[in-house]
Protein backbone atom coordinates (compact mmCIF):
# COMPACT_ATOMS: atom_id res chain seq x y z
CA MET A 1 0.00 0.00 0.00
CA ALA A 2 1.47 3.34 -1.05
CA ASP A 3 2.65 5.51 1.85
CA SER A 4 0.48 8.63 2.18
CA ASN A 5 3.70 10.64 2.44
CA SER A 6 5.10 9.13 -0.75
CA ASP A 7 5.09 11.03 -4.05
CA LEU A 8 3.61 7.92 -5.72
CA GLU A 9 -0.05 6.92 -5.94
CA ILE A 10 -1.88 3.73 -6.86
CA VAL A 11 -4.25 3.84 -9.84
CA ILE A 12 -6.79 1.03 -10.10
CA GLY A 13 -9.49 0.15 -12.61
CA LEU A 14 -11.78 -2.87 -12.37
CA GLU A 15 -13.45 -5.34 -14.69
CA VAL A 16 -16.10 -7.14 -12.67
CA HIS A 17 -17.82 -10.21 -14.12
CA VAL A 18 -21.32 -10.77 -12.72
CA GLN A 19 -22.85 -14.20 -13.33
CA LEU A 20 -26.59 -13.81 -13.87
CA SER A 21 -29.33 -15.76 -12.12
CA THR A 22 -30.98 -17.06 -15.27
CA LYS A 23 -32.17 -20.65 -15.58
CA SER A 24 -30.50 -21.18 -18.94
CA LYS A 25 -27.26 -20.17 -20.61
CA ALA A 26 -26.63 -17.08 -22.71
CA PHE A 27 -27.19 -18.64 -26.14
CA CYS A 28 -28.86 -22.01 -25.56
CA GLN A 29 -31.23 -23.84 -23.20
CA ASP A 30 -28.57 -25.62 -21.11
CA GLU A 31 -29.26 -25.34 -17.38
CA VAL A 32 -27.25 -22.87 -15.28
CA ALA A 33 -26.50 -24.10 -11.74
CA PHE A 34 -23.54 -24.15 -9.36
CA GLY A 35 -21.76 -27.47 -8.87
CA GLY A 36 -23.04 -30.76 -10.25
CA THR A 37 -21.37 -33.61 -12.09
CA PRO A 38 -18.82 -32.23 -14.58
CA ASN A 39 -19.84 -31.97 -18.23
CA THR A 40 -23.52 -32.79 -17.72
CA ARG A 41 -25.04 -29.33 -18.39
CA ILE A 42 -23.86 -29.11 -21.98
CA SER A 43 -25.21 -29.35 -25.52
CA PRO A 44 -23.89 -29.08 -29.09
CA ILE A 45 -24.38 -25.29 -28.89
CA SER A 46 -22.42 -24.75 -25.66
CA LEU A 47 -19.77 -27.15 -26.97
CA GLY A 48 -19.42 -25.05 -30.12
CA HIS A 49 -20.18 -27.83 -32.62
CA PRO A 50 -20.12 -26.76 -36.28
CA GLY A 51 -23.48 -25.76 -37.71
CA THR A 52 -25.07 -24.83 -34.38
CA LEU A 53 -26.73 -21.42 -34.03
CA PRO A 54 -26.77 -19.34 -30.83
CA GLN A 55 -29.98 -17.64 -29.66
CA PRO A 56 -29.62 -14.69 -27.25
CA ASN A 57 -31.17 -14.96 -23.79
CA ALA A 58 -33.78 -12.17 -23.44
CA LEU A 59 -33.44 -12.19 -19.66
CA GLN A 60 -29.70 -11.45 -19.91
CA MET A 61 -30.57 -8.33 -21.89
CA GLU A 62 -33.20 -7.28 -19.33
CA TYR A 63 -30.80 -7.82 -16.42
CA ALA A 64 -28.12 -5.80 -18.18
CA ILE A 65 -30.50 -2.87 -18.59
CA LYS A 66 -31.56 -3.07 -14.94
CA LEU A 67 -27.98 -2.91 -13.74
CA GLY A 68 -27.27 -0.10 -16.19
CA LEU A 69 -30.22 1.90 -14.85
CA ALA A 70 -29.08 1.28 -11.26
CA LEU A 71 -25.61 2.61 -12.15
CA GLY A 72 -26.93 5.63 -14.06
CA CYS A 73 -25.66 4.33 -17.39
CA GLN A 74 -26.73 5.35 -20.86
CA ILE A 75 -28.84 2.51 -22.27
CA ASN A 76 -27.99 1.78 -25.90
CA GLN A 77 -31.20 0.63 -27.55
CA LYS A 78 -29.27 -0.90 -30.43
CA SER A 79 -26.27 -3.06 -29.64
CA PHE A 80 -24.38 -5.94 -31.26
CA PHE A 81 -22.69 -9.15 -30.22
CA ASP A 82 -19.10 -9.74 -31.35
CA ARG A 83 -16.69 -12.61 -31.45
CA LYS A 84 -13.56 -12.27 -29.30
CA ASN A 85 -10.97 -14.70 -30.61
CA TYR A 86 -8.45 -16.32 -28.31
CA PHE A 87 -7.47 -19.84 -27.38
CA TYR A 88 -8.24 -21.34 -24.01
CA ALA A 89 -8.61 -25.03 -23.38
CA ASP A 90 -11.94 -24.41 -21.65
CA LEU A 91 -13.37 -22.17 -24.42
CA PRO A 92 -15.01 -24.75 -26.69
CA LYS A 93 -15.66 -22.57 -29.77
CA GLY A 94 -12.23 -20.97 -29.78
CA TYR A 95 -13.91 -17.57 -29.40
CA GLN A 96 -16.12 -15.87 -26.86
CA ILE A 97 -19.40 -14.17 -27.75
CA THR A 98 -19.24 -10.73 -26.16
CA GLN A 99 -19.80 -7.05 -27.00
CA ASP A 100 -17.00 -4.77 -28.16
CA ASN A 101 -17.72 -1.35 -29.71
CA THR A 102 -21.47 -1.34 -29.06
CA PRO A 103 -22.18 -2.49 -25.48
CA ILE A 104 -25.74 -2.48 -24.19
CA CYS A 105 -24.86 0.08 -21.47
CA GLY A 106 -22.62 3.09 -21.88
CA GLN A 107 -21.11 5.46 -19.35
CA GLY A 108 -22.51 5.73 -15.85
CA ILE A 109 -21.46 6.63 -12.33
CA ILE A 110 -21.77 5.29 -8.79
CA SER A 111 -20.97 6.99 -5.49
CA ILE A 112 -19.13 5.17 -2.73
CA GLU A 113 -18.87 6.34 0.87
CA MET A 114 -15.40 6.52 2.35
CA GLY A 115 -15.98 7.51 5.96
CA LYS A 116 -17.86 10.80 5.89
CA GLU A 117 -16.86 11.55 2.30
CA GLU A 118 -18.41 10.42 -0.96
CA LYS A 119 -16.39 9.55 -4.04
CA SER A 120 -17.74 9.13 -7.55
CA ILE A 121 -16.57 6.12 -9.55
CA ARG A 122 -17.15 6.36 -13.28
CA ILE A 123 -18.53 3.33 -15.09
CA ASN A 124 -17.06 3.01 -18.58
CA ARG A 125 -19.51 0.38 -19.83
CA ILE A 126 -21.52 -2.73 -19.08
CA HIS A 127 -21.58 -5.42 -21.74
CA MET A 128 -23.10 -8.88 -22.12
CA GLU A 129 -21.03 -11.96 -22.75
CA GLU A 130 -20.75 -15.67 -22.04
CA ASP A 131 -18.48 -17.45 -19.61
CA ALA A 132 -15.85 -20.05 -20.44
CA GLY A 133 -15.62 -23.48 -18.85
CA LYS A 134 -13.40 -24.37 -15.92
CA SER A 135 -9.92 -25.88 -15.94
CA ILE A 136 -9.10 -28.09 -12.95
CA HIS A 137 -5.40 -28.50 -12.18
CA ASP A 138 -5.36 -30.22 -8.77
CA GLN A 139 -7.12 -33.56 -9.37
CA ASP A 140 -4.56 -35.30 -11.56
CA PRO A 141 -0.76 -35.13 -11.23
CA LEU A 142 -0.17 -35.21 -15.00
CA HIS A 143 -3.22 -33.65 -16.63
CA SER A 144 -5.52 -30.65 -16.38
CA LEU A 145 -9.20 -31.57 -16.43
CA ILE A 146 -11.96 -29.57 -18.13
CA ASP A 147 -15.51 -29.03 -16.84
CA LEU A 148 -17.66 -27.30 -19.47
CA ASN A 149 -20.80 -26.96 -17.33
CA ARG A 150 -20.03 -23.25 -16.90
CA ALA A 151 -19.33 -22.65 -20.62
CA GLY A 152 -21.96 -20.29 -22.02
CA THR A 153 -23.20 -19.02 -18.65
CA PRO A 154 -24.54 -15.46 -19.09
CA LEU A 155 -22.34 -12.71 -17.68
CA LEU A 156 -22.35 -8.96 -17.40
CA GLU A 157 -18.96 -7.27 -17.38
CA VAL A 158 -18.88 -3.99 -15.48
CA VAL A 159 -15.85 -1.95 -16.55
CA THR A 160 -14.86 1.05 -14.45
CA GLU A 161 -12.60 3.95 -15.24
CA PRO A 162 -9.27 3.92 -13.32
CA ASP A 163 -10.76 6.02 -10.50
CA PHE A 164 -9.73 3.98 -7.45
CA ARG A 165 -6.75 5.05 -5.39
CA SER A 166 -6.71 2.34 -2.71
CA ALA A 167 -7.70 -1.25 -2.04
CA GLU A 168 -10.19 0.02 0.55
CA GLU A 169 -12.08 1.99 -2.13
CA VAL A 170 -12.23 -1.15 -4.28
CA ALA A 171 -13.65 -3.16 -1.37
CA VAL A 172 -16.40 -0.57 -0.75
CA PHE A 173 -17.27 -0.54 -4.47
CA LEU A 174 -17.45 -4.34 -4.71
CA ASN A 175 -19.66 -4.51 -1.63
CA LYS A 176 -21.97 -1.89 -3.12
CA LEU A 177 -22.09 -3.62 -6.51
CA ARG A 178 -22.87 -6.95 -4.84
CA GLN A 179 -25.63 -5.26 -2.83
CA LEU A 180 -27.10 -3.77 -6.04
CA VAL A 181 -27.19 -7.04 -8.01
CA ARG A 182 -28.92 -8.72 -5.06
CA TYR A 183 -31.50 -5.93 -4.76
CA LEU A 184 -32.15 -6.22 -8.49
CA ALA A 185 -32.41 -10.02 -8.13
CA ILE A 186 -30.16 -10.51 -11.17
CA SER A 187 -27.34 -12.38 -9.37
CA ASP A 188 -26.64 -13.86 -5.95
CA GLY A 189 -23.28 -12.07 -5.97
CA ASN A 190 -21.50 -14.96 -4.21
CA MET A 191 -17.86 -14.41 -5.12
CA GLU A 192 -16.83 -17.71 -3.50
CA GLU A 193 -19.07 -19.58 -5.98
CA GLY A 194 -17.79 -17.53 -8.91
CA SER A 195 -20.94 -15.42 -9.28
CA MET A 196 -18.77 -12.30 -9.11
CA ARG A 197 -15.16 -12.27 -10.22
CA CYS A 198 -12.88 -9.31 -10.46
CA ASP A 199 -9.93 -8.39 -12.68
CA CYS A 200 -7.87 -5.59 -11.10
CA ASN A 201 -5.81 -3.30 -13.37
CA ILE A 202 -3.11 -1.73 -11.21
CA SER A 203 -0.49 0.88 -12.04
CA ILE A 204 1.67 3.43 -10.21
CA ARG A 205 2.37 7.06 -11.06
CA LYS A 206 3.61 10.20 -9.39
CA LYS A 207 0.95 12.23 -7.61
CA GLY A 208 -0.30 15.06 -9.78
CA GLU A 209 0.51 13.31 -13.07
CA THR A 210 -2.30 12.83 -15.59
CA THR A 211 -0.75 10.03 -17.66
CA TYR A 212 -0.97 6.44 -16.45
CA GLY A 213 1.89 4.07 -15.80
CA ASN A 214 2.13 0.61 -17.35
CA ARG A 215 -0.63 -1.51 -15.81
CA CYS A 216 -0.60 -5.06 -14.60
CA GLU A 217 -3.88 -6.94 -14.66
CA VAL A 218 -4.52 -9.39 -11.81
CA LYS A 219 -7.08 -11.87 -13.13
CA ASN A 220 -10.06 -13.65 -11.57
CA VAL A 221 -9.89 -12.53 -7.94
CA ASN A 222 -12.69 -14.39 -6.18
CA SER A 223 -13.37 -12.50 -2.94
CA ILE A 224 -13.39 -8.93 -1.69
CA ARG A 225 -10.73 -9.79 0.89
CA ASN A 226 -8.50 -11.28 -1.80
CA ALA A 227 -9.03 -8.25 -4.03
CA LYS A 228 -7.63 -6.05 -1.26
CA ARG A 229 -4.72 -8.43 -0.69
CA ALA A 230 -3.92 -8.69 -4.41
CA ILE A 231 -4.03 -4.92 -4.94
CA ASN A 232 -1.84 -4.14 -1.93
CA PHE A 233 0.73 -6.79 -2.86
CA GLU A 234 0.86 -5.78 -6.53
CA ALA A 235 1.05 -2.06 -5.70
CA ASN A 236 3.94 -2.61 -3.29
CA ARG A 237 5.70 -4.84 -5.85
CA GLN A 238 5.47 -2.13 -8.50
CA ILE A 239 6.54 0.64 -6.11
CA GLU A 240 9.64 -1.35 -5.10
CA LEU A 241 10.57 -1.86 -8.77
CA ILE A 242 10.07 1.83 -9.59
CA GLN A 243 12.18 2.88 -6.62
CA LYS A 244 14.94 0.61 -7.94
CA GLY A 245 14.69 2.26 -11.37
CA ILE A 246 13.16 -0.82 -13.01
CA THR A 247 10.46 -0.30 -15.67
CA ILE A 248 7.09 -1.95 -15.07
CA ASP A 249 6.16 -4.30 -17.91
CA GLN A 250 2.49 -4.46 -18.89
CA GLU A 251 1.46 -8.00 -18.12
CA THR A 252 -1.28 -10.30 -16.89
CA ARG A 253 -0.83 -11.83 -13.45
CA SER A 254 -2.64 -14.29 -11.19
CA PHE A 255 -3.17 -14.05 -7.44
CA ASN A 256 -2.13 -16.88 -5.12
CA ALA A 257 -4.55 -16.78 -2.18
CA GLN A 258 -2.31 -19.07 -0.09
CA THR A 259 0.83 -16.93 -0.32
CA GLY A 260 -0.74 -13.53 -1.04
CA ASP A 261 1.57 -13.09 -4.07
CA THR A 262 0.80 -12.20 -7.67
CA LEU A 263 2.52 -14.23 -10.37
CA THR A 264 3.15 -13.55 -14.06
CA ILE A 265 0.99 -15.70 -16.34
CA LEU A 266 1.33 -13.75 -19.60
CA ARG A 267 3.68 -10.98 -20.66
CA SER A 268 2.09 -8.92 -23.41
CA LYS A 269 1.06 -5.58 -24.88
CA GLU A 270 -2.44 -6.98 -25.28
CA ASP A 271 -4.98 -4.63 -26.88
CA ALA A 272 -8.33 -4.99 -28.64
CA HIS A 273 -6.75 -5.81 -32.03
CA ASP A 274 -5.08 -8.88 -30.52
CA TYR A 275 -8.51 -10.42 -30.04
CA ARG A 276 -9.57 -9.83 -33.69
CA TYR A 277 -13.04 -8.68 -32.71
CA PHE A 278 -15.69 -8.80 -35.43
CA PRO A 279 -19.52 -8.81 -35.36
CA ASP A 280 -20.99 -12.25 -34.74
CA PRO A 281 -22.63 -13.19 -38.07
CA ASP A 282 -25.11 -15.57 -36.40
CA ILE A 283 -26.73 -13.05 -34.05
CA PRO A 284 -28.80 -10.11 -35.29
CA PRO A 285 -28.58 -6.67 -33.61
CA ILE A 286 -30.21 -6.36 -30.18
CA ILE A 287 -32.98 -3.77 -30.50
CA ILE A 288 -34.64 -2.40 -27.36
CA SER A 289 -37.93 -0.67 -28.15
CA ASP A 290 -39.05 2.42 -26.26
CA GLU A 291 -41.95 0.41 -24.83
CA ARG A 292 -39.68 -2.39 -23.63
CA LEU A 293 -37.25 0.05 -22.02
CA ALA A 294 -40.13 1.84 -20.28
CA ALA A 295 -41.46 -1.48 -18.96
CA ILE A 296 -38.07 -2.43 -17.54
CA LYS A 297 -37.75 0.99 -15.89
CA ALA A 298 -41.19 0.55 -14.34
CA SER A 299 -40.20 -2.85 -12.92
CA MET A 300 -37.13 -1.50 -11.11
CA PRO A 301 -37.24 -2.03 -7.33
CA LYS A 302 -36.36 0.70 -4.86
CA LEU A 303 -32.59 0.66 -4.45
CA PRO A 304 -30.70 0.74 -1.13
CA GLN A 305 -29.62 4.38 -1.29
CA ALA A 306 -33.20 5.58 -1.83
CA LEU A 307 -34.50 3.26 0.90
CA LYS A 308 -31.82 4.49 3.30
CA LYS A 309 -32.86 8.12 2.75
CA ALA A 310 -36.52 7.18 3.25
CA LEU A 311 -35.74 5.47 6.57
CA ILE A 312 -33.72 8.43 7.84
CA ALA A 313 -36.69 10.63 6.93
CA LYS A 314 -38.83 8.40 9.20
CA GLY A 315 -36.54 9.27 12.11
CA LEU A 316 -34.11 6.34 12.03
CA SER A 317 -30.42 6.92 12.64
CA PRO A 318 -28.09 6.67 9.62
CA TYR A 319 -26.53 3.58 11.27
CA ASP A 320 -29.86 1.76 11.66
CA ALA A 321 -30.87 2.73 8.12
CA GLU A 322 -27.55 1.37 6.82
CA VAL A 323 -27.94 -1.94 8.67
CA ILE A 324 -31.56 -2.43 7.56
CA THR A 325 -30.84 -1.69 3.89
CA SER A 326 -27.61 -3.71 3.80
CA GLU A 327 -29.58 -6.73 2.57
CA LYS A 328 -32.75 -6.67 0.48
CA ALA A 329 -34.36 -9.47 2.51
CA LEU A 330 -33.72 -7.54 5.73
CA ALA A 331 -35.19 -4.36 4.24
CA ASP A 332 -38.22 -6.30 2.98
CA TYR A 333 -38.78 -7.73 6.47
CA TYR A 334 -38.56 -4.27 8.05
CA PHE A 335 -40.97 -2.64 5.61
CA SER A 336 -43.36 -5.54 6.20
CA MET A 337 -43.10 -4.79 9.93
CA LEU A 338 -43.99 -1.15 9.23
CA SER A 339 -47.26 -2.24 7.60
CA PHE A 340 -48.34 -3.46 11.07
CA SER A 341 -46.49 -0.98 13.28
CA LYS A 342 -46.90 2.72 14.10
CA ASN A 343 -43.45 2.92 15.71
CA PRO A 344 -40.64 2.79 13.10
CA LYS A 345 -37.89 3.38 15.67
CA SER A 346 -39.01 0.58 17.97
CA ALA A 347 -39.27 -1.86 15.04
CA ALA A 348 -35.78 -0.81 13.86
CA ASN A 349 -34.27 -1.27 17.34
CA TRP A 350 -35.60 -4.81 17.62
CA LEU A 351 -34.51 -5.71 14.08
CA THR A 352 -30.98 -4.28 14.30
CA ASN A 353 -30.30 -5.58 17.80
CA THR A 354 -32.29 -8.59 19.04
CA ILE A 355 -33.21 -10.14 15.69
CA LYS A 356 -29.82 -9.51 14.04
CA SER A 357 -28.01 -10.94 17.07
CA TYR A 358 -30.11 -14.08 16.87
CA LEU A 359 -29.55 -14.45 13.12
CA ASN A 360 -25.79 -14.09 13.58
CA GLU A 361 -25.74 -16.60 16.42
CA ALA A 362 -27.90 -19.10 14.52
CA GLN A 363 -25.93 -18.42 11.30
CA ILE A 364 -29.10 -18.01 9.26
CA GLY A 365 -30.58 -15.28 7.07
CA ILE A 366 -33.77 -13.36 7.75
CA GLU A 367 -35.46 -15.58 5.14
CA GLU A 368 -35.12 -18.50 7.59
CA PHE A 369 -36.33 -16.53 10.63
CA SER A 370 -39.41 -18.26 12.04
CA ILE A 371 -41.26 -15.22 13.45
CA SER A 372 -43.36 -13.35 10.88
CA PRO A 373 -43.22 -9.53 10.73
CA LYS A 374 -46.82 -9.33 11.97
CA THR A 375 -46.12 -11.55 15.00
CA MET A 376 -42.90 -9.68 15.74
CA VAL A 377 -44.74 -6.36 15.79
CA ALA A 378 -47.40 -7.83 18.08
CA MET A 379 -44.67 -8.78 20.55
CA ILE A 380 -43.02 -5.36 20.32
CA GLN A 381 -46.36 -3.71 21.04
CA LEU A 382 -46.63 -5.66 24.30
CA VAL A 383 -43.40 -3.94 25.38
CA ASP A 384 -44.38 -0.52 24.04
CA GLU A 385 -47.73 -0.74 25.87
CA ASP A 386 -46.03 -1.76 29.15
CA LYS A 387 -47.78 -5.13 29.19
CA ILE A 388 -44.43 -6.91 29.42
CA ASN A 389 -41.01 -5.48 30.28
CA LYS A 390 -38.19 -5.35 27.74
CA LEU A 391 -35.95 -7.76 29.65
CA SER A 392 -38.62 -10.47 29.85
CA ALA A 393 -39.50 -9.92 26.20
CA THR A 394 -35.89 -10.23 25.09
CA GLN A 395 -34.76 -13.10 27.31
CA LYS A 396 -37.95 -15.16 27.62
CA LEU A 397 -40.76 -14.33 25.20
CA PHE A 398 -38.60 -13.82 22.08
CA PRO A 399 -36.84 -17.22 22.37
CA ALA A 400 -40.19 -18.88 23.10
CA LEU A 401 -41.78 -17.29 20.01
CA ILE A 402 -38.95 -18.59 17.83
CA LYS A 403 -39.93 -22.12 18.88
CA LYS A 404 -43.70 -21.49 18.78
CA PRO A 405 -44.25 -18.78 16.15
CA GLU A 406 -47.82 -19.92 15.56
CA ILE A 407 -48.95 -18.73 19.02
CA ALA A 408 -50.00 -15.10 19.47
CA PRO A 409 -47.43 -13.20 21.58
CA LEU A 410 -50.06 -12.10 24.14
CA ASP A 411 -51.28 -15.67 24.60
CA LEU A 412 -47.74 -16.98 24.95
CA ALA A 413 -46.81 -14.24 27.43
CA THR A 414 -49.92 -15.09 29.46
CA GLN A 415 -49.05 -18.81 29.45
CA MET A 416 -45.52 -17.97 30.62
CA ASN A 417 -46.82 -15.63 33.34
CA LEU A 418 -44.81 -12.71 31.92
CA LEU A 419 -47.44 -9.97 31.90
CA GLN A 420 -46.40 -7.06 34.07
CA ALA A 421 -48.09 -6.51 37.41
CA ASN A 422 -49.40 -2.96 37.53
CA ASP A 423 -51.08 -3.42 40.92
CA THR A 424 -49.91 -0.46 43.05
CA ASN A 425 -50.44 -2.41 46.27
CA ALA A 426 -48.15 -5.20 45.07
CA MET A 427 -45.66 -2.59 43.85
CA ASP A 428 -45.59 -0.88 47.25
CA GLU A 429 -45.11 -4.24 48.96
CA TRP A 430 -42.07 -5.11 46.81
CA VAL A 431 -40.57 -1.67 47.47
CA GLU A 432 -40.98 -2.07 51.23
CA ILE A 433 -39.42 -5.55 51.19
CA VAL A 434 -36.31 -4.24 49.39
CA LEU A 435 -35.92 -1.15 51.59
CA ALA A 436 -36.32 -3.22 54.73
CA LYS A 437 -33.70 -5.68 53.48
CA TYR A 438 -31.05 -3.00 52.80
CA PRO A 439 -31.33 -0.25 55.46
CA ASP A 440 -27.65 0.66 55.08
CA LYS A 441 -28.09 1.13 51.31
CA VAL A 442 -31.14 3.29 51.94
CA ASP A 443 -29.08 5.49 54.25
CA ALA A 444 -26.27 5.69 51.66
CA TYR A 445 -28.75 6.64 48.95
CA ARG A 446 -30.19 9.44 51.04
CA LYS A 447 -26.66 10.72 51.66
CA GLY A 448 -26.05 11.10 47.93
CA LYS A 449 -25.30 7.67 46.36
CA LYS A 450 -28.13 7.94 43.83
CA GLY A 451 -26.71 5.10 41.71
CA LEU A 452 -28.13 2.65 44.23
CA LEU A 453 -31.58 3.19 42.73
CA GLY A 454 -30.78 0.67 39.99
CA MET A 455 -29.85 -1.92 42.60
CA PHE A 456 -33.15 -1.39 44.43
CA ILE A 457 -35.13 -1.82 41.21
CA GLY A 458 -33.17 -4.96 40.28
CA GLU A 459 -33.90 -6.52 43.68
CA ALA A 460 -37.61 -5.72 43.33
CA MET A 461 -37.63 -7.28 39.86
CA LYS A 462 -36.19 -10.47 41.31
CA ILE A 463 -38.82 -10.58 44.04
CA SER A 464 -41.60 -10.03 41.48
CA LYS A 465 -40.06 -12.72 39.24
CA GLY A 466 -39.78 -10.21 36.42
CA LYS A 467 -43.45 -9.23 36.49
CA ALA A 468 -43.02 -5.74 37.95
CA ASN A 469 -43.20 -2.72 35.70
CA PRO A 470 -39.71 -1.14 35.87
CA LYS A 471 -41.06 2.35 35.15
CA GLN A 472 -43.59 2.11 37.99
CA LEU A 473 -40.96 0.64 40.29
CA ASN A 474 -38.69 3.56 39.52
CA SER A 475 -41.42 6.04 40.43
CA ALA A 476 -42.39 4.10 43.57
CA PHE A 477 -38.80 3.96 44.87
CA LEU A 478 -38.22 7.66 44.15
CA ALA A 479 -41.38 8.57 46.06
CA ARG A 480 -40.59 6.31 49.01
CA LEU A 481 -36.92 7.32 49.27
CA ALA A 482 -37.87 10.97 49.27
CA ASP A 483 -39.78 10.50 52.55
C-alpha cells in the first residue's frame, strides 16, 4: 500500500464479471446451476459444434438494462454481439461471444462512501457476454481436467474507469455492486461460488501526473478480501521496482490466495486488435424498443440508497438505516413490519439488535427466521404498551416465540406468566421488602449515592419474578426514598 507521504499513488481500474441468475445459458437452453457432475449441463451449442446457431437470452438483456439503470448508465437501444478470438482449453468454440464497440450500457457513475466523504466512480460500460468453462489442475498429477458446465453461462462485465486510489475503495465498491445485483435479483453475488469475479488493473504514477503508468492486470480474484490483498501486494511490488529504477512491464498476473503473491501468467502488450473482434454473423442486432425500455424501468425495485434516505426521513439513525438496507431481505422484512407498526424506531431497534443478534448466532438469514413480521410487531407492542417489560420480552418471550411462532405473543406471554403486574399495592409491597432488606443502602442513597436506585429496582424485579413494571418501580422507589 502506497505511503500517504510518498510522491507515488496507486491507480486502479476494475473489470467485474457478474454471473446472472438465469435458468438457462446465454445462447442455448442448457441449465445454469452451481456445482453438479462435470460436463452434464452441456449441448452441441455450448460445446461449439459446427453448424449450431446461438440464440440470445432475453433475460440477460433485461438484467443488463436493470444494472445499467441502477448505475446511471446510458442505455444503448441498439447493440451488437461480437466474437472475441483467443485460445483457451476451456473455451469450446475458440472464441467468446461478447460485446466490443457497441455495449448495451454506456457510461454511468456510482458513489461510494469513504468515511464521511463520498467519491464518484465512473462506469465506462456494461456489456453482455458468455463465460468459459473451468480448468481443474489439482485432481490429476499429469493432466488438467476440463468441466464445461459453466461454458456459455450469461455474464455482465462492469468496466470502471481507473478512478480507485486504494484497495479500501475497491472493497467498498465491490460490496456496493454486490448489494445492487442482489436488490435487483439478477445475481446472488456470491464471489466464493464464482458469481462475481474481479480483474484488477493496477499501475503506479507520481501524484499530480495525468498520464498512467504501465498496468498489470490481476485476473479472476474471487473475494473482496482477496481483491484487497492482491491490490496491496501488486502495488507494493510495483513501487519497489520503480524505486529501484526498473520499468514496469504491462502483463497479466494471477493471485495466489495461499501466499498472497501475484505471479506472471502472460507478458504482453495486449490490446483490442489482438482479439480480432468482429460482429458475430449468427446473431442479429439487439434492438430495445421504447416500450420495452419503459417497462423495464417501471419494474425497477427501490434501491438501497433511496431506501436508506426514506428510513432516515422516518426518524431512524443513519446507522440503523444502513444496517436495515444492507440486505434486500432484511429491508423487505422491516418494511413488512412497518405495515403493522406505528413505531418505526421501535421496530428498527428490535430488528438491528435482538433479531440480528439471533440471526448471527444461529448463522441463518432473515429468510429463515421463524417469526413473521406481523407476529414480531405484536410482541413489540406488548413492550411498548407496558404489558411486558423489555428484559422479559428479550430473554424469555422472544426465544419462546422462535420455537412457537404460531402462538399469538399475548397468549404466549400469558401462558408464561410474563405480563407485568401494575397493581400499586403489590408494587408498594415489593418496594418495602427491598428497603427493609437493605437499610444501610437506603441510608447511603439518602446521603447522595443515587446510583443505588438501579440496585433497588433490580432486587424488586427479582422478588416479582420479572413481572413488575420497571417504570412504575422507579417512580415508587423515588417517592418512598424521598420520605
